[in-house]
Amino acid sequence: MNILFAVSEAAPFVKTGGLADVAGSLPKALAQLGHTVKVILPLYESIGPAWREKMTFLKYFYVNLSWRTPYCGVFELEQDGVTYWFLDNEYYFRRSQIYGHYDDGERFAFFSRAVLETPCQLDWYPDVIHCNDWQTALVPIYLMEERWRHPQLENARTVYTIHNIEYQGRYGKQTMQDLFGLDDSYFNAKMLEYHDDVNLMKGAIYAADWITTVSPTYAQELNYSFYAHGLEGVIQDCSSKISGILNGIDTELYDPSKDTKIAKKFSAKSLAGKKACKEALQKEVGLNVDPRVPIVACVSRLVSHKGFDLVNAVLHDIMRMDLQMVVLGTGDWNFEEAFRQAAGQYPGRFSAQIMYSAQLSSMIYAGADLFLMPSIAEPCGLSQMIAMRYGTLPVVRETGGLKDSVPPYNYTDGSGTGFTFTDVNAHDMLHVLENAVGLYYDFPKEFKHLQVNAMTADFSWDVSAKAYLEIYQRLTGK
């Protein structure tokens, strides 16, 4: 089967979040199942010389986008059994940041047009075009016309994955023709019209052959206004073609028995090296070097929907427990300042690392004992899976992918891989964290057993890739 994976970012080339991790892992897993997979993404300025030197220039053409005919160059790179097509246009993509520009709508409309034009120019016949988030939402819509103009697209089917419904690509209705090159027939309740604006994600949900979300629970949550950000009616209307598939992680990359970035390697069979990782973390972030005390960690954007209002509300209650805490991340100023003040108030016990550091995040995953992730909403989440790979037990709220990936500890039979709470309630979170710390101190054998459970849980892409493949096969009959 020929699969074209359209995405606005992909690891290891360019990454701002979990979308890039998915685009870096899922195509590789599909290729390993014996399919021809090509990933298509913009050639951003931040994709450096080390990658560009490995690329081969294929050809250039011009894209029809309303009254514009912008240039598009195609560069190719093959890695891990996957072919990557990088689309070049310096006006749109030679910028210091990949998102957040005044003309993002035009930039990704160009990209969406080019996604469909590229296989035609290269005479390649995709069976499935898998699109992701609002940046590629126009692809299923443009395909409604383009499949009849190009034999390469005639039998292509579209899958559209919602990674985060909060970002929908919403623009004024005057953009329909001038910006997106679509006539007014697309501006209706069953396509792009949304409160007298254009909503690209809404249009993709109606236009695509199948919709997926990044966890089964998130697929159910999107039926409710609390999670769907205004699109709950659209989700309900299209419920017959929506399913949730839990993301995986790169288990080769996140493997404490092979990781050279941590102080000492360890595994589920021998956790001894985790003590050295804990000591290295304590020294690195200014915590007291004390192997006896548990370390509670947060690695996250410091924003409300990640649950930091809950953490703030009971922060001093948390610090009354015999533990240490480290927070790594940037975000809203009120959370940053609260954690800086806590570091001053609890020297040697609380560390506020207000920055982003891949190296330090690896040290935290390997050296901490508990990982606090009390998200209000979390479509999937990867941090809890990474933490579990390193024997750092998650404390999470039961939402989205957190609920699907962290079965709670069962005190009767010892099953589970972490600790969970249900309600958006700071004291519920505090109570569960107290239970986790209590298990650490009072029942060390049970705590270690739980660590082994977490480290041996299967978070590879194998299961998820097969689930996507079943959808592709059902749509194409292949």
Protein backbone atom coordinates (compact mmCIF):
# COMPACT_ATOMS: atom_id res chain seq x y z
CA MET A 1 0.00 0.00 0.00
CA ASN A 2 1.21 3.54 -0.81
CA ILE A 3 0.79 5.90 2.16
CA LEU A 4 1.43 9.65 2.04
CA PHE A 5 1.76 11.18 5.51
CA ALA A 6 1.19 14.96 5.39
CA VAL A 7 2.40 16.86 8.43
CA SER A 8 3.66 20.30 9.42
CA GLU A 9 6.57 18.98 11.52
CA ALA A 10 8.40 15.69 11.98
CA ALA A 11 11.17 14.50 14.28
CA PRO A 12 14.12 14.45 14.02
CA PHE A 13 14.08 17.23 11.41
CA VAL A 14 11.90 19.86 13.11
CA LYS A 15 9.90 19.64 16.31
CA THR A 16 7.76 21.86 18.54
CA GLY A 17 5.61 19.18 20.20
CA GLY A 18 4.15 15.69 20.20
CA LEU A 19 2.93 15.94 16.60
CA ALA A 20 6.54 15.74 15.42
CA ASP A 21 7.13 12.63 17.54
CA VAL A 22 4.15 10.92 15.93
CA ALA A 23 5.31 11.89 12.44
CA GLY A 24 8.78 10.59 13.26
CA SER A 25 7.60 7.21 14.54
CA LEU A 26 4.30 6.12 12.97
CA PRO A 27 5.52 6.21 9.32
CA LYS A 28 8.56 4.17 10.31
CA ALA A 29 6.35 1.57 12.00
CA LEU A 30 4.11 1.39 8.92
CA ALA A 31 7.14 0.95 6.67
CA GLN A 32 8.35 -1.91 8.85
CA LEU A 33 5.02 -3.63 8.18
CA GLY A 34 5.96 -3.73 4.50
CA HIS A 35 4.25 -0.64 3.08
CA THR A 36 5.61 2.22 0.99
CA VAL A 37 5.47 5.33 3.17
CA LYS A 38 6.34 8.89 2.20
CA VAL A 39 6.24 11.81 4.64
CA ILE A 40 5.70 15.28 3.16
CA LEU A 41 6.51 18.43 5.15
CA PRO A 42 7.77 21.99 4.62
CA LEU A 43 11.48 22.69 4.26
CA TYR A 44 11.82 25.14 7.15
CA GLU A 45 14.82 27.35 7.78
CA SER A 46 15.46 25.47 11.05
CA ILE A 47 16.16 22.23 9.16
CA GLY A 48 19.91 22.61 9.16
CA PRO A 49 22.82 21.80 6.83
CA ALA A 50 23.41 18.36 8.33
CA TRP A 51 20.03 17.24 6.96
CA ARG A 52 20.10 19.32 3.77
CA GLU A 53 23.38 17.74 2.68
CA LYS A 54 21.63 14.36 2.62
CA MET A 55 18.74 15.60 0.47
CA THR A 56 18.37 15.15 -3.26
CA PHE A 57 16.64 17.81 -5.35
CA LEU A 58 13.93 16.19 -7.49
CA LYS A 59 12.15 18.97 -9.37
CA TYR A 60 10.20 22.19 -9.05
CA PHE A 61 6.75 23.28 -10.16
CA TYR A 62 4.24 26.06 -9.52
CA VAL A 63 1.22 25.73 -7.26
CA ASN A 64 -2.17 27.24 -8.09
CA LEU A 65 -3.45 29.03 -4.98
CA SER A 66 -6.29 31.39 -5.84
CA TRP A 67 -4.68 34.16 -7.94
CA ARG A 68 -1.13 33.14 -6.89
CA THR A 69 1.22 30.67 -8.56
CA PRO A 70 4.04 30.28 -5.99
CA TYR A 71 7.16 28.20 -6.63
CA CYS A 72 7.55 24.79 -4.95
CA GLY A 73 10.75 22.77 -4.95
CA VAL A 74 10.83 19.12 -3.88
CA PHE A 75 13.79 17.61 -2.02
CA GLU A 76 13.97 13.94 -1.05
CA LEU A 77 15.68 12.11 1.80
CA GLU A 78 15.40 8.44 2.73
CA GLN A 79 15.81 7.23 6.30
CA ASP A 80 14.70 4.15 8.28
CA GLY A 81 12.76 2.80 5.30
CA VAL A 82 10.73 6.02 4.90
CA THR A 83 11.01 8.57 2.09
CA TYR A 84 10.73 12.21 3.16
CA TRP A 85 9.65 14.90 0.71
CA PHE A 86 10.58 18.43 1.79
CA LEU A 87 8.68 21.23 0.03
CA ASP A 88 10.74 24.34 -0.55
CA ASN A 89 9.44 27.89 -0.74
CA GLU A 90 11.63 30.43 1.01
CA TYR A 91 8.96 33.13 1.13
CA TYR A 92 6.67 30.88 3.20
CA PHE A 93 9.13 28.73 5.14
CA ARG A 94 12.42 30.60 5.56
CA ARG A 95 11.45 32.05 8.94
CA SER A 96 12.84 31.77 12.45
CA GLN A 97 9.65 30.19 13.84
CA ILE A 98 7.51 27.60 12.08
CA TYR A 99 4.18 28.83 13.52
CA GLY A 100 2.71 32.06 14.78
CA HIS A 101 2.97 34.26 11.67
CA TYR A 102 0.28 36.63 10.38
CA ASP A 103 -0.02 34.65 7.14
CA ASP A 104 -0.10 31.10 8.56
CA GLY A 105 -3.39 30.50 6.76
CA GLU A 106 -1.79 31.27 3.40
CA ARG A 107 1.39 29.37 4.22
CA PHE A 108 -0.40 26.14 5.02
CA ALA A 109 -2.94 26.56 2.22
CA PHE A 110 0.07 26.60 -0.11
CA PHE A 111 1.45 23.55 1.65
CA SER A 112 -1.89 21.71 1.37
CA ARG A 113 -2.12 22.43 -2.36
CA ALA A 114 1.47 21.26 -2.80
CA VAL A 115 0.78 18.05 -0.84
CA LEU A 116 -1.64 17.02 -3.58
CA GLU A 117 0.41 18.37 -6.48
CA THR A 118 3.66 16.64 -5.51
CA PRO A 119 2.63 12.99 -6.13
CA CYS A 120 1.10 14.09 -9.43
CA GLN A 121 4.33 15.79 -10.49
CA LEU A 122 6.33 12.71 -9.46
CA ASP A 123 3.80 10.26 -10.96
CA TRP A 124 3.24 8.44 -7.69
CA TYR A 125 -0.16 6.99 -6.76
CA PRO A 126 -1.02 7.26 -3.04
CA ASP A 127 -3.69 4.91 -1.73
CA VAL A 128 -4.04 6.88 1.53
CA ILE A 129 -3.24 10.49 2.35
CA HIS A 130 -2.97 10.80 6.12
CA CYS A 131 -3.37 14.43 7.26
CA ASN A 132 -2.69 15.90 10.69
CA ASP A 133 -4.14 18.89 12.56
CA TRP A 134 -5.33 22.18 11.09
CA GLN A 135 -2.18 22.83 9.05
CA THR A 136 -3.17 20.05 6.61
CA ALA A 137 -6.95 20.34 7.05
CA LEU A 138 -7.38 21.74 3.54
CA VAL A 139 -5.95 18.60 1.90
CA PRO A 140 -9.17 16.50 2.12
CA ILE A 141 -11.14 19.52 0.93
CA TYR A 142 -8.91 20.27 -2.06
CA LEU A 143 -8.90 16.56 -2.93
CA MET A 144 -12.67 16.70 -3.52
CA GLU A 145 -11.88 18.57 -6.77
CA GLU A 146 -8.31 17.52 -7.55
CA ARG A 147 -8.97 13.76 -7.63
CA TRP A 148 -10.93 14.27 -10.89
CA ARG A 149 -8.14 16.29 -12.47
CA HIS A 150 -5.23 13.95 -11.76
CA PRO A 151 -5.22 10.16 -12.30
CA GLN A 152 -2.64 9.80 -9.48
CA LEU A 153 -5.25 10.99 -6.95
CA GLU A 154 -8.33 9.29 -8.33
CA ASN A 155 -8.39 6.41 -5.84
CA ALA A 156 -6.75 8.16 -2.87
CA ARG A 157 -8.58 8.05 0.45
CA THR A 158 -8.02 10.50 3.31
CA VAL A 159 -7.51 9.96 7.03
CA TYR A 160 -7.46 13.07 9.23
CA THR A 161 -5.98 12.92 12.74
CA ILE A 162 -6.95 15.45 15.41
CA HIS A 163 -3.95 15.83 17.70
CA ASN A 164 -5.36 18.86 19.53
CA ILE A 165 -8.81 20.23 18.71
CA GLU A 166 -8.05 23.52 20.44
CA TYR A 167 -6.19 24.75 17.35
CA GLN A 168 -8.67 24.69 14.47
CA GLY A 169 -7.48 27.18 11.82
CA ARG A 170 -10.25 29.76 12.01
CA TYR A 171 -10.38 32.73 9.63
CA GLY A 172 -12.82 35.37 8.38
CA LYS A 173 -15.14 34.31 5.56
CA GLN A 174 -13.48 36.80 3.19
CA THR A 175 -10.55 34.35 3.00
CA MET A 176 -12.58 31.71 1.13
CA GLN A 177 -11.74 32.80 -2.42
CA ASP A 178 -8.87 35.24 -2.07
CA LEU A 179 -6.76 33.21 0.36
CA PHE A 180 -7.85 29.58 0.01
CA GLY A 181 -9.08 29.64 -3.58
CA LEU A 182 -12.43 28.02 -2.80
CA ASP A 183 -15.80 29.15 -4.11
CA ASP A 184 -18.72 29.97 -1.85
CA SER A 185 -20.27 26.53 -2.25
CA TYR A 186 -17.83 25.30 0.43
CA PHE A 187 -19.12 27.90 2.89
CA ASN A 188 -21.96 25.88 4.40
CA ALA A 189 -22.89 24.14 7.64
CA LYS A 190 -21.60 20.74 6.44
CA MET A 191 -18.21 22.07 5.40
CA LEU A 192 -16.24 25.23 6.32
CA GLU A 193 -18.84 27.64 7.72
CA TYR A 194 -18.57 28.16 11.47
CA HIS A 195 -20.30 31.11 13.17
CA ASP A 196 -19.89 33.13 9.97
CA ASP A 197 -16.15 32.32 9.85
CA VAL A 198 -14.08 29.73 8.00
CA ASN A 199 -13.03 26.77 10.18
CA LEU A 200 -10.49 24.54 8.44
CA MET A 201 -10.59 21.69 10.95
CA LYS A 202 -14.36 21.53 10.76
CA GLY A 203 -14.16 21.24 6.99
CA ALA A 204 -11.59 18.44 7.23
CA ILE A 205 -13.77 16.47 9.66
CA TYR A 206 -16.61 16.49 7.15
CA ALA A 207 -14.46 16.02 4.04
CA ALA A 208 -12.10 13.24 5.17
CA ASP A 209 -13.00 9.58 4.72
CA TRP A 210 -12.04 8.75 8.31
CA ILE A 211 -11.18 10.74 11.45
CA THR A 212 -8.88 9.57 14.23
CA THR A 213 -7.84 11.08 17.53
CA VAL A 214 -4.72 10.23 19.46
CA SER A 215 -6.40 8.19 22.19
CA PRO A 216 -9.71 6.33 22.61
CA THR A 217 -10.74 8.39 25.63
CA TYR A 218 -10.08 11.67 23.80
CA ALA A 219 -12.35 10.47 20.98
CA GLN A 220 -15.15 10.10 23.52
CA GLU A 221 -14.36 13.35 25.31
CA LEU A 222 -14.71 15.34 22.08
CA ASN A 223 -18.46 14.75 22.23
CA TYR A 224 -18.58 17.26 25.09
CA SER A 225 -18.14 21.03 24.93
CA PHE A 226 -15.61 21.05 27.79
CA TYR A 227 -13.09 19.30 25.53
CA ALA A 228 -14.24 20.04 21.96
CA HIS A 229 -13.81 23.83 21.90
CA GLY A 230 -17.06 24.37 20.02
CA LEU A 231 -16.87 21.41 17.62
CA GLU A 232 -18.79 18.89 19.72
CA GLY A 233 -21.77 19.05 17.35
CA VAL A 234 -19.53 18.34 14.36
CA ILE A 235 -17.93 15.40 16.19
CA GLN A 236 -21.34 13.98 17.04
CA ASP A 237 -22.52 14.48 13.47
CA CYS A 238 -19.53 12.48 12.15
CA SER A 239 -19.38 9.90 14.95
CA SER A 240 -19.76 6.99 12.52
CA LYS A 241 -16.32 7.67 11.04
CA ILE A 242 -14.33 8.60 14.17
CA SER A 243 -12.06 6.37 16.23
CA GLY A 244 -9.32 6.87 18.81
CA ILE A 245 -5.90 5.21 18.55
CA LEU A 246 -3.41 5.68 21.36
CA ASN A 247 -0.06 7.11 20.30
CA GLY A 248 3.13 5.22 21.00
CA ILE A 249 6.69 6.39 21.60
CA ASP A 250 10.04 5.50 20.09
CA THR A 251 11.05 2.71 22.46
CA GLU A 252 14.54 2.57 20.95
CA LEU A 253 15.13 6.24 21.70
CA TYR A 254 13.62 6.09 25.19
CA ASP A 255 15.42 3.08 26.60
CA PRO A 256 17.31 3.44 29.90
CA SER A 257 19.40 0.37 29.12
CA LYS A 258 20.83 2.13 26.02
CA ASP A 259 20.51 5.84 26.81
CA THR A 260 23.92 7.55 26.77
CA LYS A 261 22.48 10.86 28.02
CA ILE A 262 21.87 9.61 31.57
CA ALA A 263 24.37 9.12 34.39
CA LYS A 264 24.15 5.33 34.44
CA LYS A 265 22.19 2.84 32.36
CA PHE A 266 19.61 0.59 34.01
CA SER A 267 16.75 -1.72 33.12
CA ALA A 268 13.67 -3.38 34.56
CA LYS A 269 15.85 -6.36 35.49
CA SER A 270 18.34 -4.19 37.38
CA LEU A 271 17.27 -0.80 38.72
CA ALA A 272 20.55 -0.14 40.48
CA GLY A 273 21.66 2.49 37.97
CA LYS A 274 18.62 4.64 38.77
CA LYS A 275 20.25 5.59 42.09
CA ALA A 276 23.19 7.14 40.25
CA CYS A 277 20.75 8.97 37.97
CA LYS A 278 18.95 10.33 41.02
CA GLU A 279 22.16 11.61 42.56
CA ALA A 280 23.20 13.22 39.27
CA LEU A 281 19.82 14.96 39.01
CA GLN A 282 19.98 16.26 42.56
CA LYS A 283 23.42 17.74 41.94
CA GLU A 284 22.43 19.21 38.57
CA VAL A 285 19.33 21.09 39.79
CA GLY A 286 20.52 22.06 43.29
CA LEU A 287 18.53 19.60 45.39
CA ASN A 288 20.00 18.07 48.52
CA VAL A 289 21.83 14.85 47.66
CA ASP A 290 19.73 12.36 49.58
CA PRO A 291 18.95 8.91 48.12
CA ARG A 292 16.25 8.32 50.75
CA VAL A 293 13.87 11.13 49.72
CA PRO A 294 11.56 10.71 46.70
CA ILE A 295 11.77 13.25 43.88
CA VAL A 296 8.51 14.45 42.32
CA ALA A 297 9.02 15.89 38.83
CA CYS A 298 7.09 17.96 36.29
CA VAL A 299 8.31 18.42 32.71
CA SER A 300 5.74 20.48 30.87
CA ARG A 301 4.56 23.75 29.43
CA LEU A 302 3.49 25.75 32.47
CA VAL A 303 -0.08 26.59 31.47
CA SER A 304 -3.51 26.15 33.04
CA HIS A 305 -4.75 23.29 30.87
CA LYS A 306 -1.75 21.24 32.00
CA GLY A 307 -3.18 21.38 35.54
CA PHE A 308 -0.79 23.83 37.16
CA ASP A 309 -3.62 25.73 38.85
CA LEU A 310 -4.11 22.52 40.85
CA VAL A 311 -0.40 22.30 41.66
CA ASN A 312 -0.28 25.96 42.71
CA ALA A 313 -3.32 25.59 44.95
CA VAL A 314 -1.71 22.90 47.13
CA LEU A 315 2.00 23.53 46.50
CA HIS A 316 2.78 24.21 50.16
CA ASP A 317 0.80 21.13 51.20
CA ILE A 318 2.93 19.09 48.79
CA MET A 319 6.10 20.52 50.28
CA ARG A 320 4.97 19.59 53.80
CA MET A 321 5.57 15.99 52.76
CA ASP A 322 9.08 14.56 53.06
CA LEU A 323 9.97 14.89 49.37
CA GLN A 324 11.84 16.95 46.83
CA MET A 325 10.36 18.52 43.72
CA VAL A 326 11.74 19.71 40.38
CA VAL A 327 9.82 21.58 37.69
CA LEU A 328 11.19 22.01 34.16
CA GLY A 329 9.44 24.17 31.59
CA THR A 330 8.29 27.62 30.55
CA GLY A 331 4.84 29.12 30.18
CA ASP A 332 2.53 31.58 31.89
CA TRP A 333 4.35 34.12 34.04
CA ASN A 334 2.23 33.42 37.14
CA PHE A 335 3.28 29.77 37.23
CA GLU A 336 6.91 30.59 36.48
CA GLU A 337 6.97 33.13 39.30
CA ALA A 338 5.19 30.82 41.76
CA PHE A 339 7.78 28.11 41.18
CA ARG A 340 10.69 30.55 41.44
CA GLN A 341 9.32 31.69 44.80
CA ALA A 342 8.93 28.08 45.95
CA ALA A 343 12.57 27.43 45.06
CA GLY A 344 13.55 30.33 47.30
CA GLN A 345 11.26 29.23 50.10
CA TYR A 346 12.36 25.57 50.02
CA PRO A 347 16.07 25.62 49.17
CA GLY A 348 17.52 22.19 48.51
CA ARG A 349 14.02 20.72 48.30
CA PHE A 350 12.37 22.56 45.39
CA SER A 351 14.05 23.34 42.08
CA ALA A 352 12.49 25.60 39.42
CA GLN A 353 14.15 25.15 36.05
CA ILE A 354 12.30 27.76 33.98
CA MET A 355 13.65 26.80 30.57
CA TYR A 356 13.56 24.03 27.99
CA SER A 357 16.42 21.54 28.00
CA ALA A 358 16.33 18.15 26.29
CA GLN A 359 19.36 17.03 28.27
CA LEU A 360 17.85 18.01 31.62
CA SER A 361 14.51 16.42 30.75
CA SER A 362 16.32 13.12 30.14
CA MET A 363 18.03 13.43 33.52
CA ILE A 364 14.67 14.11 35.18
CA TYR A 365 12.92 11.14 33.57
CA ALA A 366 15.78 8.87 34.68
CA GLY A 367 16.41 10.31 38.14
CA ALA A 368 12.98 11.17 39.55
CA ASP A 369 10.72 8.75 41.40
CA LEU A 370 7.29 10.22 40.64
CA PHE A 371 6.07 12.22 37.63
CA LEU A 372 3.21 14.65 38.28
CA MET A 373 0.98 15.31 35.23
CA PRO A 374 -2.44 16.60 36.40
CA SER A 375 -3.69 17.83 33.00
CA ILE A 376 -7.18 19.27 32.70
CA ALA A 377 -7.21 17.95 29.12
CA GLU A 378 -4.59 15.79 27.43
CA PRO A 379 -5.36 14.33 23.98
CA CYS A 380 -2.64 11.73 24.39
CA GLY A 381 0.49 12.87 26.18
CA LEU A 382 3.90 11.33 25.72
CA SER A 383 5.66 12.44 28.89
CA GLN A 384 3.88 9.91 31.09
CA MET A 385 4.94 7.09 28.74
CA ILE A 386 8.55 8.28 28.67
CA ALA A 387 8.58 8.57 32.46
CA MET A 388 7.31 5.00 32.81
CA ARG A 389 10.03 3.72 30.49
CA TYR A 390 12.54 5.09 33.02
CA GLY A 391 10.78 3.70 36.10
CA THR A 392 9.41 7.09 37.17
CA LEU A 393 5.81 6.48 38.20
CA PRO A 394 3.20 8.91 36.87
CA VAL A 395 0.58 10.66 38.98
CA VAL A 396 -2.06 11.76 36.46
CA ARG A 397 -5.63 12.90 36.05
CA GLU A 398 -7.87 10.43 34.23
CA THR A 399 -8.33 12.29 30.96
CA GLY A 400 -7.53 11.52 27.31
CA GLY A 401 -4.42 9.48 26.75
CA LEU A 402 -3.45 9.70 30.42
CA LYS A 403 -6.42 7.53 31.30
CA ASP A 404 -5.66 5.12 28.46
CA SER A 405 -1.95 4.73 29.20
CA VAL A 406 -1.78 4.72 33.02
CA PRO A 407 -3.79 1.98 34.71
CA PRO A 408 -3.93 2.92 38.42
CA TYR A 409 -2.13 0.94 41.07
CA ASN A 410 -4.31 -1.80 42.51
CA TYR A 411 -3.43 -2.35 46.17
CA THR A 412 -5.00 -5.82 46.11
CA ASP A 413 -3.12 -7.52 43.29
CA GLY A 414 -0.24 -5.11 42.63
CA SER A 415 -1.30 -4.35 39.06
CA GLY A 416 -1.09 -0.93 37.44
CA THR A 417 1.67 1.40 36.37
CA GLY A 418 0.96 4.64 38.27
CA PHE A 419 -1.50 6.66 40.31
CA THR A 420 -4.61 8.45 39.05
CA PHE A 421 -7.41 10.80 40.14
CA THR A 422 -10.62 11.68 38.31
CA ASP A 423 -11.96 15.12 39.20
CA VAL A 424 -10.40 18.50 38.48
CA ASN A 425 -9.72 18.96 42.17
CA ALA A 426 -6.44 20.00 43.78
CA HIS A 427 -7.06 18.06 46.99
CA ASP A 428 -7.90 14.89 45.09
CA MET A 429 -4.54 15.27 43.34
CA LEU A 430 -2.84 15.90 46.69
CA HIS A 431 -4.44 12.82 48.24
CA VAL A 432 -3.25 10.55 45.40
CA LEU A 433 0.24 12.06 45.56
CA GLU A 434 0.29 11.38 49.32
CA ASN A 435 -0.63 7.75 48.60
CA ALA A 436 2.20 7.47 46.09
CA VAL A 437 4.74 8.93 48.52
CA GLY A 438 3.38 6.66 51.24
CA LEU A 439 3.90 3.59 49.05
CA TYR A 440 7.46 4.75 48.33
CA TYR A 441 8.33 4.97 52.03
CA ASP A 442 6.23 2.23 53.60
CA PHE A 443 6.19 -0.47 50.92
CA PRO A 444 9.41 -0.21 48.91
CA LYS A 445 9.05 -3.71 47.42
CA GLU A 446 5.58 -2.87 46.10
CA PHE A 447 6.87 0.44 44.75
CA LYS A 448 9.68 -1.35 42.91
CA HIS A 449 7.19 -3.90 41.55
CA LEU A 450 5.14 -1.01 40.19
CA GLN A 451 8.27 0.45 38.58
CA VAL A 452 8.91 -2.85 36.80
CA ASN A 453 5.28 -2.90 35.61
CA ALA A 454 5.71 0.57 34.17
CA MET A 455 9.05 -0.12 32.52
CA THR A 456 7.81 -3.29 30.82
CA ALA A 457 4.51 -1.83 29.54
CA ASP A 458 4.30 -1.86 25.74
CA PHE A 459 4.30 1.71 24.40
CA SER A 460 5.80 0.84 21.03
CA TRP A 461 4.10 1.90 17.81
CA ASP A 462 3.48 -1.71 16.73
CA VAL A 463 -0.08 -1.95 18.05
CA SER A 464 -1.03 1.58 16.96
CA ALA A 465 0.44 1.15 13.47
CA LYS A 466 -1.61 -2.01 12.94
CA ALA A 467 -4.75 -0.16 14.06
CA TYR A 468 -4.10 2.60 11.52
CA LEU A 469 -3.38 -0.02 8.88
CA GLU A 470 -6.78 -1.64 9.52
CA ILE A 471 -8.43 1.72 8.82
CA TYR A 472 -6.42 2.19 5.62
CA GLN A 473 -7.33 -1.30 4.44
CA ARG A 474 -10.99 -0.79 5.20
CA LEU A 475 -11.06 2.48 3.23
CA THR A 476 -9.12 1.24 0.21
CA GLY A 477 -10.11 -2.42 0.10
CA LYS A 478 -6.42 -3.33 -0.15
